[in-house]
mmCIF file of all heavy atoms, coordinates in Angstrom:
data_MODEL
# 
_entry.id   MODEL 
# 
loop_
_atom_site.group_PDB 
_atom_site.id 
_atom_site.type_symbol 
_atom_site.label_atom_id 
_atom_site.label_alt_id 
_atom_site.label_comp_id 
_atom_site.label_asym_id 
_atom_site.label_entity_id 
_atom_site.label_seq_id 
_atom_site.pdbx_PDB_ins_code 
_atom_site.Cartn_x 
_atom_site.Cartn_y 
_atom_site.Cartn_z 
_atom_site.occupancy 
_atom_site.B_iso_or_equiv 
_atom_site.pdbx_formal_charge 
_atom_site.auth_seq_id 
_atom_site.auth_comp_id 
_atom_site.auth_asym_id 
_atom_site.auth_atom_id 
_atom_site.pdbx_PDB_model_num 
ATOM 1   N N   . GLN A 1 1  ? 0.879  -1.180 0.000   1.00 0.00 ? 1  GLN A N   1 
ATOM 2   C CA  . GLN A 1 1  ? 0.017  0.001  0.039   1.00 0.00 ? 1  GLN A CA  1 
ATOM 3   C C   . GLN A 1 1  ? 0.843  1.265  -0.075  1.00 0.00 ? 1  GLN A C   1 
ATOM 4   O O   . GLN A 1 1  ? 0.518  2.254  -0.646  1.00 0.00 ? 1  GLN A O   1 
ATOM 5   C CB  . GLN A 1 1  ? -0.951 -0.004 1.250   1.00 0.00 ? 1  GLN A CB  1 
ATOM 6   C CG  . GLN A 1 1  ? -2.116 0.991  1.082   1.00 0.00 ? 1  GLN A CG  1 
ATOM 7   C CD  . GLN A 1 1  ? -2.958 0.729  -0.201  1.00 0.00 ? 1  GLN A CD  1 
ATOM 8   O OE1 . GLN A 1 1  ? -3.333 -0.336 -0.444  1.00 0.00 ? 1  GLN A OE1 1 
ATOM 9   N NE2 . GLN A 1 1  ? -3.137 1.786  -1.032  1.00 0.00 ? 1  GLN A NE2 1 
ATOM 10  N N   . SER A 1 2  ? 1.985  1.226  0.801   1.00 0.00 ? 2  SER A N   1 
ATOM 11  C CA  . SER A 1 2  ? 2.832  2.394  0.764   1.00 0.00 ? 2  SER A CA  1 
ATOM 12  C C   . SER A 1 2  ? 3.325  2.676  -0.678  1.00 0.00 ? 2  SER A C   1 
ATOM 13  O O   . SER A 1 2  ? 3.449  3.863  -1.145  1.00 0.00 ? 2  SER A O   1 
ATOM 14  C CB  . SER A 1 2  ? 4.014  2.154  1.735   1.00 0.00 ? 2  SER A CB  1 
ATOM 15  O OG  . SER A 1 2  ? 3.586  2.115  3.007   1.00 0.00 ? 2  SER A OG  1 
ATOM 16  N N   . ASN A 1 3  ? 3.716  1.653  -1.433  1.00 0.00 ? 3  ASN A N   1 
ATOM 17  C CA  . ASN A 1 3  ? 4.193  1.734  -2.818  1.00 0.00 ? 3  ASN A CA  1 
ATOM 18  C C   . ASN A 1 3  ? 3.081  2.352  -3.647  1.00 0.00 ? 3  ASN A C   1 
ATOM 19  O O   . ASN A 1 3  ? 3.265  3.317  -4.429  1.00 0.00 ? 3  ASN A O   1 
ATOM 20  C CB  . ASN A 1 3  ? 4.678  0.452  -3.329  1.00 0.00 ? 3  ASN A CB  1 
ATOM 21  C CG  . ASN A 1 3  ? 5.189  0.608  -4.701  1.00 0.00 ? 3  ASN A CG  1 
ATOM 22  O OD1 . ASN A 1 3  ? 6.115  1.363  -4.957  1.00 0.00 ? 3  ASN A OD1 1 
ATOM 23  N ND2 . ASN A 1 3  ? 4.651  -0.143 -5.742  1.00 0.00 ? 3  ASN A ND2 1 
ATOM 24  N N   . LEU A 1 4  ? 1.872  1.862  -3.608  1.00 0.00 ? 4  LEU A N   1 
ATOM 25  C CA  . LEU A 1 4  ? 0.776  2.273  -4.448  1.00 0.00 ? 4  LEU A CA  1 
ATOM 26  C C   . LEU A 1 4  ? 0.364  3.732  -4.054  1.00 0.00 ? 4  LEU A C   1 
ATOM 27  O O   . LEU A 1 4  ? 0.116  4.483  -4.958  1.00 0.00 ? 4  LEU A O   1 
ATOM 28  C CB  . LEU A 1 4  ? -0.456 1.333  -4.294  1.00 0.00 ? 4  LEU A CB  1 
ATOM 29  C CG  . LEU A 1 4  ? -0.214 -0.089 -4.785  1.00 0.00 ? 4  LEU A CG  1 
ATOM 30  C CD1 . LEU A 1 4  ? -1.475 -0.917 -4.470  1.00 0.00 ? 4  LEU A CD1 1 
ATOM 31  C CD2 . LEU A 1 4  ? -0.080 -0.108 -6.240  1.00 0.00 ? 4  LEU A CD2 1 
ATOM 32  N N   . ASP A 1 5  ? 0.389  4.058  -2.873  1.00 0.00 ? 5  ASP A N   1 
ATOM 33  C CA  . ASP A 1 5  ? 0.055  5.436  -2.424  1.00 0.00 ? 5  ASP A CA  1 
ATOM 34  C C   . ASP A 1 5  ? 1.056  6.437  -2.987  1.00 0.00 ? 5  ASP A C   1 
ATOM 35  O O   . ASP A 1 5  ? 0.690  7.483  -3.477  1.00 0.00 ? 5  ASP A O   1 
ATOM 36  C CB  . ASP A 1 5  ? 0.031  5.564  -0.924  1.00 0.00 ? 5  ASP A CB  1 
ATOM 37  C CG  . ASP A 1 5  ? -1.130 4.785  -0.272  1.00 0.00 ? 5  ASP A CG  1 
ATOM 38  O OD1 . ASP A 1 5  ? -2.152 4.478  -1.035  1.00 0.00 ? 5  ASP A OD1 1 
ATOM 39  O OD2 . ASP A 1 5  ? -1.157 4.612  0.923   1.00 0.00 ? 5  ASP A OD2 1 
ATOM 40  N N   . ALA A 1 6  ? 2.384  6.029  -2.968  1.00 0.00 ? 6  ALA A N   1 
ATOM 41  C CA  . ALA A 1 6  ? 3.382  6.923  -3.512  1.00 0.00 ? 6  ALA A CA  1 
ATOM 42  C C   . ALA A 1 6  ? 3.225  7.133  -5.035  1.00 0.00 ? 6  ALA A C   1 
ATOM 43  O O   . ALA A 1 6  ? 3.373  8.245  -5.543  1.00 0.00 ? 6  ALA A O   1 
ATOM 44  C CB  . ALA A 1 6  ? 4.744  6.376  -3.162  1.00 0.00 ? 6  ALA A CB  1 
ATOM 45  N N   . LEU A 1 7  ? 2.929  6.070  -5.688  1.00 0.00 ? 7  LEU A N   1 
ATOM 46  C CA  . LEU A 1 7  ? 2.741  6.117  -7.083  1.00 0.00 ? 7  LEU A CA  1 
ATOM 47  C C   . LEU A 1 7  ? 1.511  7.078  -7.490  1.00 0.00 ? 7  LEU A C   1 
ATOM 48  O O   . LEU A 1 7  ? 1.559  7.900  -8.372  1.00 0.00 ? 7  LEU A O   1 
ATOM 49  C CB  . LEU A 1 7  ? 2.385  4.731  -7.770  1.00 0.00 ? 7  LEU A CB  1 
ATOM 50  C CG  . LEU A 1 7  ? 3.636  3.755  -7.636  1.00 0.00 ? 7  LEU A CG  1 
ATOM 51  C CD1 . LEU A 1 7  ? 3.174  2.478  -8.311  1.00 0.00 ? 7  LEU A CD1 1 
ATOM 52  C CD2 . LEU A 1 7  ? 4.956  4.251  -8.326  1.00 0.00 ? 7  LEU A CD2 1 
ATOM 53  N N   . GLN A 1 8  ? 0.446  6.852  -6.723  1.00 0.00 ? 8  GLN A N   1 
ATOM 54  C CA  . GLN A 1 8  ? -0.767 7.735  -7.039  1.00 0.00 ? 8  GLN A CA  1 
ATOM 55  C C   . GLN A 1 8  ? -0.496 9.125  -6.775  1.00 0.00 ? 8  GLN A C   1 
ATOM 56  O O   . GLN A 1 8  ? -0.819 10.070 -7.523  1.00 0.00 ? 8  GLN A O   1 
ATOM 57  C CB  . GLN A 1 8  ? -1.908 7.202  -6.069  1.00 0.00 ? 8  GLN A CB  1 
ATOM 58  C CG  . GLN A 1 8  ? -3.164 7.975  -6.220  1.00 0.00 ? 8  GLN A CG  1 
ATOM 59  C CD  . GLN A 1 8  ? -3.852 7.785  -7.616  1.00 0.00 ? 8  GLN A CD  1 
ATOM 60  O OE1 . GLN A 1 8  ? -3.551 6.748  -8.263  1.00 0.00 ? 8  GLN A OE1 1 
ATOM 61  N NE2 . GLN A 1 8  ? -4.525 8.804  -7.972  1.00 0.00 ? 8  GLN A NE2 1 
ATOM 62  N N   . ALA A 1 9  ? 0.218  9.471  -5.704  1.00 0.00 ? 9  ALA A N   1 
ATOM 63  C CA  . ALA A 1 9  ? 0.525  10.864 -5.346  1.00 0.00 ? 9  ALA A CA  1 
ATOM 64  C C   . ALA A 1 9  ? 1.491  11.481 -6.336  1.00 0.00 ? 9  ALA A C   1 
ATOM 65  O O   . ALA A 1 9  ? 1.301  12.653 -6.773  1.00 0.00 ? 9  ALA A O   1 
ATOM 66  C CB  . ALA A 1 9  ? 1.269  10.924 -4.014  1.00 0.00 ? 9  ALA A CB  1 
ATOM 67  N N   . LEU A 1 10 ? 2.470  10.766 -6.897  1.00 0.00 ? 10 LEU A N   1 
ATOM 68  C CA  . LEU A 1 10 ? 3.299  11.180 -7.884  1.00 0.00 ? 10 LEU A CA  1 
ATOM 69  C C   . LEU A 1 10 ? 2.592  11.470 -9.203  1.00 0.00 ? 10 LEU A C   1 
ATOM 70  O O   . LEU A 1 10 ? 2.807  12.559 -9.922  1.00 0.00 ? 10 LEU A O   1 
ATOM 71  C CB  . LEU A 1 10 ? 4.493  10.326 -8.093  1.00 0.00 ? 10 LEU A CB  1 
ATOM 72  C CG  . LEU A 1 10 ? 5.567  10.698 -9.126  1.00 0.00 ? 10 LEU A CG  1 
ATOM 73  C CD1 . LEU A 1 10 ? 6.304  11.897 -8.656  1.00 0.00 ? 10 LEU A CD1 1 
ATOM 74  C CD2 . LEU A 1 10 ? 6.529  9.632  -9.551  1.00 0.00 ? 10 LEU A CD2 1 
ATOM 75  N N   . SER A 1 11 ? 1.657  10.562 -9.560  1.00 0.00 ? 11 SER A N   1 
ATOM 76  C CA  . SER A 1 11 ? 0.909  10.726 -10.752 1.00 0.00 ? 11 SER A CA  1 
ATOM 77  C C   . SER A 1 11 ? 0.039  11.922 -10.639 1.00 0.00 ? 11 SER A C   1 
ATOM 78  O O   . SER A 1 11 ? -0.115 12.720 -11.658 1.00 0.00 ? 11 SER A O   1 
ATOM 79  C CB  . SER A 1 11 ? -0.058 9.500  -10.961 1.00 0.00 ? 11 SER A CB  1 
ATOM 80  O OG  . SER A 1 11 ? -0.775 9.643  -12.044 1.00 0.00 ? 11 SER A OG  1 
ATOM 81  N N   . GLU A 1 12 ? -0.562 12.273 -9.476  1.00 0.00 ? 12 GLU A N   1 
ATOM 82  C CA  . GLU A 1 12 ? -1.443 13.373 -9.316  1.00 0.00 ? 12 GLU A CA  1 
ATOM 83  C C   . GLU A 1 12 ? -0.604 14.683 -9.323  1.00 0.00 ? 12 GLU A C   1 
ATOM 84  O O   . GLU A 1 12 ? -1.105 15.664 -9.894  1.00 0.00 ? 12 GLU A O   1 
ATOM 85  C CB  . GLU A 1 12 ? -2.222 13.232 -7.961  1.00 0.00 ? 12 GLU A CB  1 
ATOM 86  C CG  . GLU A 1 12 ? -3.292 12.124 -8.021  1.00 0.00 ? 12 GLU A CG  1 
ATOM 87  C CD  . GLU A 1 12 ? -3.916 11.965 -6.642  1.00 0.00 ? 12 GLU A CD  1 
ATOM 88  O OE1 . GLU A 1 12 ? -3.504 12.649 -5.594  1.00 0.00 ? 12 GLU A OE1 1 
ATOM 89  O OE2 . GLU A 1 12 ? -4.883 11.098 -6.534  1.00 0.00 ? 12 GLU A OE2 1 
ATOM 90  N N   . GLN A 1 13 ? 0.605  14.635 -8.824  1.00 0.00 ? 13 GLN A N   1 
ATOM 91  C CA  . GLN A 1 13 ? 1.446  15.803 -8.811  1.00 0.00 ? 13 GLN A CA  1 
ATOM 92  C C   . GLN A 1 13 ? 2.003  16.098 -10.140 1.00 0.00 ? 13 GLN A C   1 
ATOM 93  O O   . GLN A 1 13 ? 2.138  17.305 -10.482 1.00 0.00 ? 13 GLN A O   1 
ATOM 94  C CB  . GLN A 1 13 ? 2.461  15.604 -7.765  1.00 0.00 ? 13 GLN A CB  1 
ATOM 95  C CG  . GLN A 1 13 ? 3.482  16.803 -7.648  1.00 0.00 ? 13 GLN A CG  1 
ATOM 96  C CD  . GLN A 1 13 ? 4.575  16.492 -6.572  1.00 0.00 ? 13 GLN A CD  1 
ATOM 97  O OE1 . GLN A 1 13 ? 4.721  15.414 -6.121  1.00 0.00 ? 13 GLN A OE1 1 
ATOM 98  N NE2 . GLN A 1 13 ? 5.433  17.443 -6.407  1.00 0.00 ? 13 GLN A NE2 1 
ATOM 99  N N   . LYS A 1 14 ? 2.574  15.117 -10.754 1.00 0.00 ? 14 LYS A N   1 
ATOM 100 C CA  . LYS A 1 14 ? 3.357  15.328 -12.009 1.00 0.00 ? 14 LYS A CA  1 
ATOM 101 C C   . LYS A 1 14 ? 2.771  14.679 -13.245 1.00 0.00 ? 14 LYS A C   1 
ATOM 102 O O   . LYS A 1 14 ? 3.400  14.830 -14.378 1.00 0.00 ? 14 LYS A O   1 
ATOM 103 C CB  . LYS A 1 14 ? 4.768  14.830 -11.792 1.00 0.00 ? 14 LYS A CB  1 
ATOM 104 C CG  . LYS A 1 14 ? 5.509  15.581 -10.648 1.00 0.00 ? 14 LYS A CG  1 
ATOM 105 C CD  . LYS A 1 14 ? 6.991  15.328 -10.661 1.00 0.00 ? 14 LYS A CD  1 
ATOM 106 C CE  . LYS A 1 14 ? 7.756  16.136 -9.525  1.00 0.00 ? 14 LYS A CE  1 
ATOM 107 N NZ  . LYS A 1 14 ? 9.140  15.868 -9.555  1.00 0.00 ? 14 LYS A NZ  1 
ATOM 108 N N   . GLY A 1 15 ? 1.642  14.158 -13.105 1.00 0.00 ? 15 GLY A N   1 
ATOM 109 C CA  . GLY A 1 15 ? 1.013  13.550 -14.358 1.00 0.00 ? 15 GLY A CA  1 
ATOM 110 C C   . GLY A 1 15 ? 1.334  12.063 -14.600 1.00 0.00 ? 15 GLY A C   1 
ATOM 111 O O   . GLY A 1 15 ? 2.412  11.642 -14.040 1.00 0.00 ? 15 GLY A O   1 
ATOM 112 N N   . ARG A 1 16 ? 0.592  11.367 -15.376 1.00 0.00 ? 16 ARG A N   1 
ATOM 113 C CA  . ARG A 1 16 ? 0.739  9.943  -15.548 1.00 0.00 ? 16 ARG A CA  1 
ATOM 114 C C   . ARG A 1 16 ? 2.106  9.643  -16.223 1.00 0.00 ? 16 ARG A C   1 
ATOM 115 O O   . ARG A 1 16 ? 2.658  8.634  -16.044 1.00 0.00 ? 16 ARG A O   1 
ATOM 116 C CB  . ARG A 1 16 ? -0.361 9.359  -16.472 1.00 0.00 ? 16 ARG A CB  1 
ATOM 117 C CG  . ARG A 1 16 ? -1.727 9.386  -15.818 1.00 0.00 ? 16 ARG A CG  1 
ATOM 118 C CD  . ARG A 1 16 ? -1.820 8.325  -14.674 1.00 0.00 ? 16 ARG A CD  1 
ATOM 119 N NE  . ARG A 1 16 ? -1.587 7.002  -15.143 1.00 0.00 ? 16 ARG A NE  1 
ATOM 120 C CZ  . ARG A 1 16 ? -1.513 5.952  -14.251 1.00 0.00 ? 16 ARG A CZ  1 
ATOM 121 N NH1 . ARG A 1 16 ? -1.618 6.122  -13.033 1.00 0.00 ? 16 ARG A NH1 1 
ATOM 122 N NH2 . ARG A 1 16 ? -1.221 4.694  -14.766 1.00 0.00 ? 16 ARG A NH2 1 
ATOM 123 N N   . GLN A 1 17 ? 2.660  10.658 -17.055 1.00 0.00 ? 17 GLN A N   1 
ATOM 124 C CA  . GLN A 1 17 ? 3.893  10.311 -17.656 1.00 0.00 ? 17 GLN A CA  1 
ATOM 125 C C   . GLN A 1 17 ? 5.055  10.224 -16.701 1.00 0.00 ? 17 GLN A C   1 
ATOM 126 O O   . GLN A 1 17 ? 6.107  9.591  -17.055 1.00 0.00 ? 17 GLN A O   1 
ATOM 127 C CB  . GLN A 1 17 ? 4.158  11.417 -18.661 1.00 0.00 ? 17 GLN A CB  1 
ATOM 128 C CG  . GLN A 1 17 ? 4.571  12.769 -18.046 1.00 0.00 ? 17 GLN A CG  1 
ATOM 129 C CD  . GLN A 1 17 ? 3.332  13.740 -17.603 1.00 0.00 ? 17 GLN A CD  1 
ATOM 130 O OE1 . GLN A 1 17 ? 2.215  13.205 -17.725 1.00 0.00 ? 17 GLN A OE1 1 
ATOM 131 N NE2 . GLN A 1 17 ? 3.574  14.913 -17.306 1.00 0.00 ? 17 GLN A NE2 1 
ATOM 132 N N   . ALA A 1 18 ? 4.862  10.617 -15.435 1.00 0.00 ? 18 ALA A N   1 
ATOM 133 C CA  . ALA A 1 18 ? 5.911  10.435 -14.487 1.00 0.00 ? 18 ALA A CA  1 
ATOM 134 C C   . ALA A 1 18 ? 6.056  8.901  -14.157 1.00 0.00 ? 18 ALA A C   1 
ATOM 135 O O   . ALA A 1 18 ? 7.142  8.613  -13.594 1.00 0.00 ? 18 ALA A O   1 
ATOM 136 C CB  . ALA A 1 18 ? 5.536  11.187 -13.219 1.00 0.00 ? 18 ALA A CB  1 
ATOM 137 N N   . LEU A 1 19 ? 5.062  8.135  -14.416 1.00 0.00 ? 19 LEU A N   1 
ATOM 138 C CA  . LEU A 1 19 ? 5.219  6.715  -14.110 1.00 0.00 ? 19 LEU A CA  1 
ATOM 139 C C   . LEU A 1 19 ? 5.819  5.898  -15.220 1.00 0.00 ? 19 LEU A C   1 
ATOM 140 O O   . LEU A 1 19 ? 5.854  4.701  -15.134 1.00 0.00 ? 19 LEU A O   1 
ATOM 141 C CB  . LEU A 1 19 ? 3.770  6.114  -13.766 1.00 0.00 ? 19 LEU A CB  1 
ATOM 142 C CG  . LEU A 1 19 ? 3.069  6.837  -12.566 1.00 0.00 ? 19 LEU A CG  1 
ATOM 143 C CD1 . LEU A 1 19 ? 1.770  6.095  -12.261 1.00 0.00 ? 19 LEU A CD1 1 
ATOM 144 C CD2 . LEU A 1 19 ? 3.895  6.916  -11.412 1.00 0.00 ? 19 LEU A CD2 1 
ATOM 145 N N   . LEU A 1 20 ? 6.152  6.555  -16.300 1.00 0.00 ? 20 LEU A N   1 
ATOM 146 C CA  . LEU A 1 20 ? 6.835  5.798  -17.375 1.00 0.00 ? 20 LEU A CA  1 
ATOM 147 C C   . LEU A 1 20 ? 8.337  5.481  -16.915 1.00 0.00 ? 20 LEU A C   1 
ATOM 148 O O   . LEU A 1 20 ? 8.942  6.169  -16.162 1.00 0.00 ? 20 LEU A O   1 
ATOM 149 C CB  . LEU A 1 20 ? 6.944  6.730  -18.612 1.00 0.00 ? 20 LEU A CB  1 
ATOM 150 C CG  . LEU A 1 20 ? 5.543  7.044  -19.256 1.00 0.00 ? 20 LEU A CG  1 
ATOM 151 C CD1 . LEU A 1 20 ? 5.807  8.064  -20.500 1.00 0.00 ? 20 LEU A CD1 1 
ATOM 152 C CD2 . LEU A 1 20 ? 4.782  5.837  -19.706 1.00 0.00 ? 20 LEU A CD2 1 
ATOM 153 N N   . GLY A 1 21 ? 8.772  4.341  -17.471 1.00 0.00 ? 21 GLY A N   1 
ATOM 154 C CA  . GLY A 1 21 ? 10.050 3.812  -17.008 1.00 0.00 ? 21 GLY A CA  1 
ATOM 155 C C   . GLY A 1 21 ? 11.149 4.860  -17.164 1.00 0.00 ? 21 GLY A C   1 
ATOM 156 O O   . GLY A 1 21 ? 12.003 4.868  -16.272 1.00 0.00 ? 21 GLY A O   1 
ATOM 157 N N   . HIS A 1 22 ? 11.186 5.647  -18.157 1.00 0.00 ? 22 HIS A N   1 
ATOM 158 C CA  . HIS A 1 22 ? 12.321 6.538  -18.346 1.00 0.00 ? 22 HIS A CA  1 
ATOM 159 C C   . HIS A 1 22 ? 12.205 7.802  -17.585 1.00 0.00 ? 22 HIS A C   1 
ATOM 160 O O   . HIS A 1 22 ? 13.107 8.618  -17.394 1.00 0.00 ? 22 HIS A O   1 
ATOM 161 C CB  . HIS A 1 22 ? 12.498 6.859  -19.862 1.00 0.00 ? 22 HIS A CB  1 
ATOM 162 C CG  . HIS A 1 22 ? 11.382 7.720  -20.433 1.00 0.00 ? 22 HIS A CG  1 
ATOM 163 N ND1 . HIS A 1 22 ? 10.252 7.090  -20.937 1.00 0.00 ? 22 HIS A ND1 1 
ATOM 164 C CD2 . HIS A 1 22 ? 11.282 9.054  -20.641 1.00 0.00 ? 22 HIS A CD2 1 
ATOM 165 C CE1 . HIS A 1 22 ? 9.389  8.048  -21.321 1.00 0.00 ? 22 HIS A CE1 1 
ATOM 166 N NE2 . HIS A 1 22 ? 10.076 9.258  -21.161 1.00 0.00 ? 22 HIS A NE2 1 
ATOM 167 N N   . ASN A 1 23 ? 10.999 8.040  -16.986 1.00 0.00 ? 23 ASN A N   1 
ATOM 168 C CA  . ASN A 1 23 ? 10.726 9.278  -16.171 1.00 0.00 ? 23 ASN A CA  1 
ATOM 169 C C   . ASN A 1 23 ? 10.676 9.033  -14.754 1.00 0.00 ? 23 ASN A C   1 
ATOM 170 O O   . ASN A 1 23 ? 10.939 9.928  -13.910 1.00 0.00 ? 23 ASN A O   1 
ATOM 171 C CB  . ASN A 1 23 ? 9.412  9.934  -16.606 1.00 0.00 ? 23 ASN A CB  1 
ATOM 172 C CG  . ASN A 1 23 ? 9.490  10.609 -17.976 1.00 0.00 ? 23 ASN A CG  1 
ATOM 173 O OD1 . ASN A 1 23 ? 10.543 11.015 -18.364 1.00 0.00 ? 23 ASN A OD1 1 
ATOM 174 N ND2 . ASN A 1 23 ? 8.324  10.723 -18.700 1.00 0.00 ? 23 ASN A ND2 1 
ATOM 175 N N   . PHE A 1 24 ? 10.435 7.832  -14.289 1.00 0.00 ? 24 PHE A N   1 
ATOM 176 C CA  . PHE A 1 24 ? 9.920  7.641  -12.875 1.00 0.00 ? 24 PHE A CA  1 
ATOM 177 C C   . PHE A 1 24 ? 10.912 8.075  -11.839 1.00 0.00 ? 24 PHE A C   1 
ATOM 178 O O   . PHE A 1 24 ? 10.675 8.826  -10.963 1.00 0.00 ? 24 PHE A O   1 
ATOM 179 C CB  . PHE A 1 24 ? 9.533  6.122  -12.701 1.00 0.00 ? 24 PHE A CB  1 
ATOM 180 C CG  . PHE A 1 24 ? 9.147  5.777  -11.313 1.00 0.00 ? 24 PHE A CG  1 
ATOM 181 C CD1 . PHE A 1 24 ? 8.015  6.379  -10.764 1.00 0.00 ? 24 PHE A CD1 1 
ATOM 182 C CD2 . PHE A 1 24 ? 9.804  4.943  -10.481 1.00 0.00 ? 24 PHE A CD2 1 
ATOM 183 C CE1 . PHE A 1 24 ? 7.560  6.033  -9.509  1.00 0.00 ? 24 PHE A CE1 1 
ATOM 184 C CE2 . PHE A 1 24 ? 9.471  4.637  -9.326  1.00 0.00 ? 24 PHE A CE2 1 
ATOM 185 C CZ  . PHE A 1 24 ? 8.354  5.208  -8.713  1.00 0.00 ? 24 PHE A CZ  1 
ATOM 186 N N   . VAL A 1 25 ? 12.196 7.498  -11.797 1.00 0.00 ? 25 VAL A N   1 
ATOM 187 C CA  . VAL A 1 25 ? 13.124 7.782  -10.821 1.00 0.00 ? 25 VAL A CA  1 
ATOM 188 C C   . VAL A 1 25 ? 13.564 9.214  -10.838 1.00 0.00 ? 25 VAL A C   1 
ATOM 189 O O   . VAL A 1 25 ? 13.614 9.923  -9.729  1.00 0.00 ? 25 VAL A O   1 
ATOM 190 C CB  . VAL A 1 25 ? 14.419 6.884  -11.015 1.00 0.00 ? 25 VAL A CB  1 
ATOM 191 C CG1 . VAL A 1 25 ? 15.410 7.257  -9.934  1.00 0.00 ? 25 VAL A CG1 1 
ATOM 192 C CG2 . VAL A 1 25 ? 14.017 5.458  -10.871 1.00 0.00 ? 25 VAL A CG2 1 
ATOM 193 N N   . TYR A 1 26 ? 13.620 9.782  -12.009 1.00 0.00 ? 26 TYR A N   1 
ATOM 194 C CA  . TYR A 1 26 ? 13.993 11.317 -12.031 1.00 0.00 ? 26 TYR A CA  1 
ATOM 195 C C   . TYR A 1 26 ? 12.766 12.103 -11.494 1.00 0.00 ? 26 TYR A C   1 
ATOM 196 O O   . TYR A 1 26 ? 13.006 13.106 -10.884 1.00 0.00 ? 26 TYR A O   1 
ATOM 197 C CB  . TYR A 1 26 ? 14.311 11.671 -13.501 1.00 0.00 ? 26 TYR A CB  1 
ATOM 198 C CG  . TYR A 1 26 ? 14.577 13.169 -13.601 1.00 0.00 ? 26 TYR A CG  1 
ATOM 199 C CD1 . TYR A 1 26 ? 15.869 13.606 -13.258 1.00 0.00 ? 26 TYR A CD1 1 
ATOM 200 C CD2 . TYR A 1 26 ? 13.660 13.984 -14.057 1.00 0.00 ? 26 TYR A CD2 1 
ATOM 201 C CE1 . TYR A 1 26 ? 16.171 14.989 -13.353 1.00 0.00 ? 26 TYR A CE1 1 
ATOM 202 C CE2 . TYR A 1 26 ? 13.894 15.355 -14.172 1.00 0.00 ? 26 TYR A CE2 1 
ATOM 203 C CZ  . TYR A 1 26 ? 15.157 15.885 -13.757 1.00 0.00 ? 26 TYR A CZ  1 
ATOM 204 O OH  . TYR A 1 26 ? 15.384 17.161 -13.816 1.00 0.00 ? 26 TYR A OH  1 
ATOM 205 N N   . ALA A 1 27 ? 11.633 11.657 -11.779 1.00 0.00 ? 27 ALA A N   1 
ATOM 206 C CA  . ALA A 1 27 ? 10.428 12.445 -11.348 1.00 0.00 ? 27 ALA A CA  1 
ATOM 207 C C   . ALA A 1 27 ? 10.396 12.611 -9.832  1.00 0.00 ? 27 ALA A C   1 
ATOM 208 O O   . ALA A 1 27 ? 9.907  13.568 -9.313  1.00 0.00 ? 27 ALA A O   1 
ATOM 209 C CB  . ALA A 1 27 ? 9.142  11.764 -11.866 1.00 0.00 ? 27 ALA A CB  1 
ATOM 210 N N   . TYR A 1 28 ? 10.783 11.534 -9.088  1.00 0.00 ? 28 TYR A N   1 
ATOM 211 C CA  . TYR A 1 28 ? 10.725 11.628 -7.656  1.00 0.00 ? 28 TYR A CA  1 
ATOM 212 C C   . TYR A 1 28 ? 12.085 12.060 -6.964  1.00 0.00 ? 28 TYR A C   1 
ATOM 213 O O   . TYR A 1 28 ? 12.014 12.346 -5.826  1.00 0.00 ? 28 TYR A O   1 
ATOM 214 C CB  . TYR A 1 28 ? 10.114 10.412 -7.043  1.00 0.00 ? 28 TYR A CB  1 
ATOM 215 C CG  . TYR A 1 28 ? 11.034 9.187  -6.904  1.00 0.00 ? 28 TYR A CG  1 
ATOM 216 C CD1 . TYR A 1 28 ? 12.005 9.067  -5.887  1.00 0.00 ? 28 TYR A CD1 1 
ATOM 217 C CD2 . TYR A 1 28 ? 10.865 8.048  -7.710  1.00 0.00 ? 28 TYR A CD2 1 
ATOM 218 C CE1 . TYR A 1 28 ? 12.806 7.989  -5.704  1.00 0.00 ? 28 TYR A CE1 1 
ATOM 219 C CE2 . TYR A 1 28 ? 11.701 6.891  -7.609  1.00 0.00 ? 28 TYR A CE2 1 
ATOM 220 C CZ  . TYR A 1 28 ? 12.648 6.850  -6.566  1.00 0.00 ? 28 TYR A CZ  1 
ATOM 221 O OH  . TYR A 1 28 ? 13.381 5.735  -6.390  1.00 0.00 ? 28 TYR A OH  1 
ATOM 222 N N   . SER A 1 29 ? 13.182 11.824 -7.627  1.00 0.00 ? 29 SER A N   1 
ATOM 223 C CA  . SER A 1 29 ? 14.487 12.155 -7.042  1.00 0.00 ? 29 SER A CA  1 
ATOM 224 C C   . SER A 1 29 ? 15.441 12.977 -7.817  1.00 0.00 ? 29 SER A C   1 
ATOM 225 O O   . SER A 1 29 ? 16.474 13.441 -7.307  1.00 0.00 ? 29 SER A O   1 
ATOM 226 C CB  . SER A 1 29 ? 15.160 10.864 -6.661  1.00 0.00 ? 29 SER A CB  1 
ATOM 227 O OG  . SER A 1 29 ? 15.608 10.117 -7.760  1.00 0.00 ? 29 SER A OG  1 
# 
């Protein structure tokens, strides 16, 4: 659940494209 909550929050903050493989780690760190 912690993982899913973090993904959802990042998606809401930066858009669904933040969850793409080439964007994800950069999007949060």
